[in-house]
Amino acid sequence: MRYSVQIEETGEVYACTEQQSLLWGLAQLGRKGIPLGCRGGGCGVCKVAITQGDYQTGPMSAAHVTPEERQSGVVLACRCYPRGDLSLRVLGKMQRTVCAPGGGDAAKASEQHQPAVQ
């Protein structure tokens, strides 16, 4: 079954099946800088907050997502699978890549052109 996942910050919607993690779906947007190295719930870079909809999660490091955060819908996108249409907010380090104007390229360009702080 395919579900719609909406990124609240950008309004973008992508499709994701029950077998695909939310991170896999984000990667299908074709953005540079989506973190795909770990994909096992251990690094914490792909943290999102589910604001609406049903989902199921796999094991996640408690060092990156506390039990309190899990109760409030905070999960790691690499370990979260939709069980219906849902909406999410991107948190932490991945926010710069996913939520930047121009799909992350603008954030990367501005990083490269920042004057050195002396």
C-alpha atoms as a PDB file:
ATOM      1  CA  MET A   1       0.000   0.000   0.000  1.00  0.00           C
ATOM      2  CA  ARG A   2       1.302   3.487  -0.900  1.00  0.00           C
ATOM      3  CA  TYR A   3       0.846   6.418   1.436  1.00  0.00           C
ATOM      4  CA  SER A   4       1.393  10.151   1.094  1.00  0.00           C
ATOM      5  CA  VAL A   5       3.940  11.774   3.377  1.00  0.00           C
ATOM      6  CA  GLN A   6       3.902  15.561   3.666  1.00  0.00           C
ATOM      7  CA  ILE A   7       6.887  17.626   4.806  1.00  0.00           C
ATOM      8  CA  GLU A   8       5.271  20.463   6.718  1.00  0.00           C
ATOM      9  CA  GLU A   9       8.094  22.971   6.296  1.00  0.00           C
ATOM     10  CA  THR A  10       8.087  22.793   2.480  1.00  0.00           C
ATOM     11  CA  GLY A  11       4.612  21.470   1.675  1.00  0.00           C
ATOM     12  CA  GLU A  12       6.182  18.731  -0.453  1.00  0.00           C
ATOM     13  CA  VAL A  13       4.479  15.362  -0.599  1.00  0.00           C
ATOM     14  CA  TYR A  14       6.136  12.080  -1.476  1.00  0.00           C
ATOM     15  CA  ALA A  15       4.914   8.489  -1.730  1.00  0.00           C
ATOM     16  CA  CYS A  16       6.112   5.781   0.619  1.00  0.00           C
ATOM     17  CA  THR A  17       5.000   2.170   1.083  1.00  0.00           C
ATOM     18  CA  GLU A  18       4.690   0.221   4.340  1.00  0.00           C
ATOM     19  CA  GLN A  19       7.981  -1.510   3.570  1.00  0.00           C
ATOM     20  CA  GLN A  20       9.907   1.706   2.852  1.00  0.00           C
ATOM     21  CA  SER A  21      11.281   3.901   5.613  1.00  0.00           C
ATOM     22  CA  LEU A  22      10.438   7.589   5.654  1.00  0.00           C
ATOM     23  CA  LEU A  23      14.138   8.254   5.034  1.00  0.00           C
ATOM     24  CA  TRP A  24      14.038   6.151   1.861  1.00  0.00           C
ATOM     25  CA  GLY A  25      11.119   8.262   0.662  1.00  0.00           C
ATOM     26  CA  LEU A  26      12.951  11.498   1.468  1.00  0.00           C
ATOM     27  CA  ALA A  27      15.927  10.260  -0.531  1.00  0.00           C
ATOM     28  CA  GLN A  28      13.664   9.765  -3.551  1.00  0.00           C
ATOM     29  CA  LEU A  29      13.189  13.556  -3.667  1.00  0.00           C
ATOM     30  CA  GLY A  30      16.671  13.611  -5.216  1.00  0.00           C
ATOM     31  CA  ARG A  31      18.241  16.079  -2.795  1.00  0.00           C
ATOM     32  CA  LYS A  32      21.950  16.152  -2.163  1.00  0.00           C
ATOM     33  CA  GLY A  33      22.835  15.750   1.494  1.00  0.00           C
ATOM     34  CA  ILE A  34      20.034  13.419   2.642  1.00  0.00           C
ATOM     35  CA  PRO A  35      21.897  11.198   5.155  1.00  0.00           C
ATOM     36  CA  LEU A  36      21.822   7.607   3.917  1.00  0.00           C
ATOM     37  CA  GLY A  37      25.013   6.266   5.474  1.00  0.00           C
ATOM     38  CA  CYS A  38      23.693   4.729   8.691  1.00  0.00           C
ATOM     39  CA  ARG A  39      20.066   3.706   8.044  1.00  0.00           C
ATOM     40  CA  GLY A  40      20.061   1.676  11.258  1.00  0.00           C
ATOM     41  CA  GLY A  41      18.832   4.106  13.901  1.00  0.00           C
ATOM     42  CA  GLY A  42      22.256   4.638  15.427  1.00  0.00           C
ATOM     43  CA  CYS A  43      23.424   8.084  14.271  1.00  0.00           C
ATOM     44  CA  GLY A  44      20.350  10.225  14.956  1.00  0.00           C
ATOM     45  CA  VAL A  45      20.802  12.547  11.979  1.00  0.00           C
ATOM     46  CA  CYS A  46      17.419  11.775  10.385  1.00  0.00           C
ATOM     47  CA  LYS A  47      15.237  12.877  13.325  1.00  0.00           C
ATOM     48  CA  VAL A  48      11.677  13.924  12.463  1.00  0.00           C
ATOM     49  CA  ALA A  49       8.482  14.632  14.365  1.00  0.00           C
ATOM     50  CA  ILE A  50       5.344  12.908  13.118  1.00  0.00           C
ATOM     51  CA  THR A  51       2.559  15.451  13.529  1.00  0.00           C
ATOM     52  CA  GLN A  52      -0.267  13.476  11.976  1.00  0.00           C
ATOM     53  CA  GLY A  53      -0.898   9.911  10.846  1.00  0.00           C
ATOM     54  CA  ASP A  54      -0.151   6.314  11.749  1.00  0.00           C
ATOM     55  CA  TYR A  55       3.287   4.734  11.657  1.00  0.00           C
ATOM     56  CA  GLN A  56       5.377   1.890  13.031  1.00  0.00           C
ATOM     57  CA  THR A  57       8.977   2.127  14.188  1.00  0.00           C
ATOM     58  CA  GLY A  58      11.887  -0.233  14.422  1.00  0.00           C
ATOM     59  CA  PRO A  59      14.636  -0.101  17.066  1.00  0.00           C
ATOM     60  CA  MET A  60      16.211   3.343  17.600  1.00  0.00           C
ATOM     61  CA  SER A  61      19.086   4.431  19.796  1.00  0.00           C
ATOM     62  CA  ALA A  62      17.808   5.900  23.082  1.00  0.00           C
ATOM     63  CA  ALA A  63      20.818   8.214  22.905  1.00  0.00           C
ATOM     64  CA  HIS A  64      19.143   9.966  19.955  1.00  0.00           C
ATOM     65  CA  VAL A  65      15.431   9.563  20.709  1.00  0.00           C
ATOM     66  CA  THR A  66      14.389   9.527  24.340  1.00  0.00           C
ATOM     67  CA  PRO A  67      11.276   7.670  25.518  1.00  0.00           C
ATOM     68  CA  GLU A  68       9.633  11.068  26.104  1.00  0.00           C
ATOM     69  CA  GLU A  69      10.390  12.153  22.536  1.00  0.00           C
ATOM     70  CA  ARG A  70       8.997   8.883  21.156  1.00  0.00           C
ATOM     71  CA  GLN A  71       5.776   9.493  23.107  1.00  0.00           C
ATOM     72  CA  SER A  72       5.454  12.896  21.431  1.00  0.00           C
ATOM     73  CA  GLY A  73       5.999  11.493  17.907  1.00  0.00           C
ATOM     74  CA  VAL A  74       9.721  12.124  17.497  1.00  0.00           C
ATOM     75  CA  VAL A  75      11.377   9.278  15.574  1.00  0.00           C
ATOM     76  CA  LEU A  76      14.302   8.553  13.287  1.00  0.00           C
ATOM     77  CA  ALA A  77      13.127   8.560   9.668  1.00  0.00           C
ATOM     78  CA  CYS A  78      15.331   5.556   8.867  1.00  0.00           C
ATOM     79  CA  ARG A  79      13.405   3.424  11.382  1.00  0.00           C
ATOM     80  CA  CYS A  80       9.880   4.716  10.736  1.00  0.00           C
ATOM     81  CA  TYR A  81       7.379   3.120   8.338  1.00  0.00           C
ATOM     82  CA  PRO A  82       4.029   4.665   7.375  1.00  0.00           C
ATOM     83  CA  ARG A  83       0.783   2.857   8.134  1.00  0.00           C
ATOM     84  CA  GLY A  84      -1.330   5.605   6.579  1.00  0.00           C
ATOM     85  CA  ASP A  85      -0.940   9.096   5.140  1.00  0.00           C
ATOM     86  CA  LEU A  86       1.113  11.261   7.471  1.00  0.00           C
ATOM     87  CA  SER A  87       2.728  14.649   8.024  1.00  0.00           C
ATOM     88  CA  LEU A  88       6.143  15.299   9.517  1.00  0.00           C
ATOM     89  CA  ARG A  89       8.435  18.090  10.617  1.00  0.00           C
ATOM     90  CA  VAL A  90      12.156  17.731  10.016  1.00  0.00           C
ATOM     91  CA  LEU A  91      14.340  18.207  13.102  1.00  0.00           C
ATOM     92  CA  GLY A  92      18.040  18.599  13.768  1.00  0.00           C
ATOM     93  CA  LYS A  93      20.857  18.364  11.255  1.00  0.00           C
ATOM     94  CA  MET A  94      18.730  17.125   8.358  1.00  0.00           C
ATOM     95  CA  GLN A  95      16.591  20.280   8.494  1.00  0.00           C
ATOM     96  CA  ARG A  96      19.205  22.307   6.607  1.00  0.00           C
ATOM     97  CA  THR A  97      19.191  19.869   3.681  1.00  0.00           C
ATOM     98  CA  VAL A  98      15.480  19.111   3.450  1.00  0.00           C
ATOM     99  CA  CYS A  99      13.978  22.497   4.310  1.00  0.00           C
ATOM    100  CA  ALA A 100      16.373  24.868   2.550  1.00  0.00           C
ATOM    101  CA  PRO A 101      15.102  26.801  -0.481  1.00  0.00           C
ATOM    102  CA  GLY A 102      16.305  25.065  -3.614  1.00  0.00           C
ATOM    103  CA  GLY A 103      16.284  21.607  -2.062  1.00  0.00           C
ATOM    104  CA  GLY A 104      19.465  21.840  -0.061  1.00  0.00           C
ATOM    105  CA  ASP A 105      21.648  23.243  -2.832  1.00  0.00           C
ATOM    106  CA  ALA A 106      21.089  26.798  -1.540  1.00  0.00           C
ATOM    107  CA  ALA A 107      22.154  25.785   1.969  1.00  0.00           C
ATOM    108  CA  LYS A 108      25.277  24.118   0.636  1.00  0.00           C
ATOM    109  CA  ALA A 109      26.124  27.153  -1.521  1.00  0.00           C
ATOM    110  CA  SER A 110      25.658  29.562   1.377  1.00  0.00           C
ATOM    111  CA  GLU A 111      27.884  27.353   3.539  1.00  0.00           C
ATOM    112  CA  GLN A 112      30.640  27.514   0.955  1.00  0.00           C
ATOM    113  CA  HIS A 113      30.417  31.313   0.639  1.00  0.00           C
ATOM    114  CA  GLN A 114      30.373  32.207   4.336  1.00  0.00           C
ATOM    115  CA  PRO A 115      33.166  34.638   5.229  1.00  0.00           C
ATOM    116  CA  ALA A 116      35.681  33.316   7.720  1.00  0.00           C
ATOM    117  CA  VAL A 117      35.080  34.469  11.275  1.00  0.00           C
ATOM    118  CA  GLN A 118      38.189  36.010  12.790  1.00  0.00           C
END
